[in-house]
Amino acid sequence: MPLALILSSFVAASRIGGAAQQYVLAAHRIDPVLAPTVMFGRTPARGGRGEVTSPDVFRRMLGDIEADALFGMVDLIITGHFSDPEQVEIAAGVIERVRDADHAAAAGARPLVIVDPILGDAPKGLYVKYEVAEQVESRLVGLADWITPNLWELGFLADQKIETLAEARRAARALGRPALVTSVPAGEDEIGLLLVDGEEAVLFAHRREGAAPSGTGDLVTASFGAGLIEGLAPARAAERAARAAAEAVAAAKAWKASELPIVALADRIVKPTAEVRIERL
């Protein structure tokens, strides 16, 4: 069974962050190991009060994971939310050590690293400390095999305001890292994912369902990573991730759910049937 190491948030009662990604990866038969950067009972958006994992505790936690010889077994690393710049530095060191451990365990082995630069969103902008955002940009983006920013985060990394699909495509290419960009404008009634990998650029658009529960970006990142680990081509993995997100959002709306029903939809997230419009750019 493939193993994924998630360095992100844990919110017990909400399907967001690393806690949500555990369920998505488990549905794909990928064993998740979550090292939480923050711990909450409920989402801060609804008044949840939790605690940031201190860098010392975060470091010791990851050291214990390493001591169990799990670093040499990691197939996928996902980084997400960080609250402290030192956490980001620790995460960068872990990525480097996992790659070294994999190389020692099997010549040529290389775990897939997906960096979801969780920094902010429109219209409020940055919602982590500026020092955290700077550290994510300087230390993690360069280590990533793929990045999965939302449109606002892509603009932050590219140091420009991005409003159109064409601007997003150019900015993603300029970063020099394969990217799957979420919350891309795709039309009056659509929202989309934009895959940019070298010269390839593909839009996956689905109907906008109004205010959706939080966590769709986390779901997309985990689904996309699972697809790549399973051997799907990036465009195929992105298409499935787009369908899974559309499926989950539509179900949440139909069921009047305040959270994405990831567990109830496990089979449909793995084999989604929601419609998406595919446009090669």
Foldseek 3Di string as FASTA:
>chain_A
DAEEEEEEAEAQPFCAIPVVLCLLCVLLVYHYDYQHQWYWPHDVVVVIDTGGQDLVNSLVVVVVCVVVVCLLRHQEYEYEDHADLSSLVSVLVSQVVSQVSVCVVPPPRHHAYEYAQHAADPPVAGDHDPSNSVSCLVRPVVSHQEYEYEQRNLCVSLVHHDDAPVSSQVSCVVSVHFYWYFQHDDDDQKGWIWTHDPPWIKIKIDGDPPDFAPHLSVQLVSQQSSCVSVPHDSVVSNNLSGLLSVVQRVVCVVVVNNHRPCNVCSVCSNVPDGDIDMDID
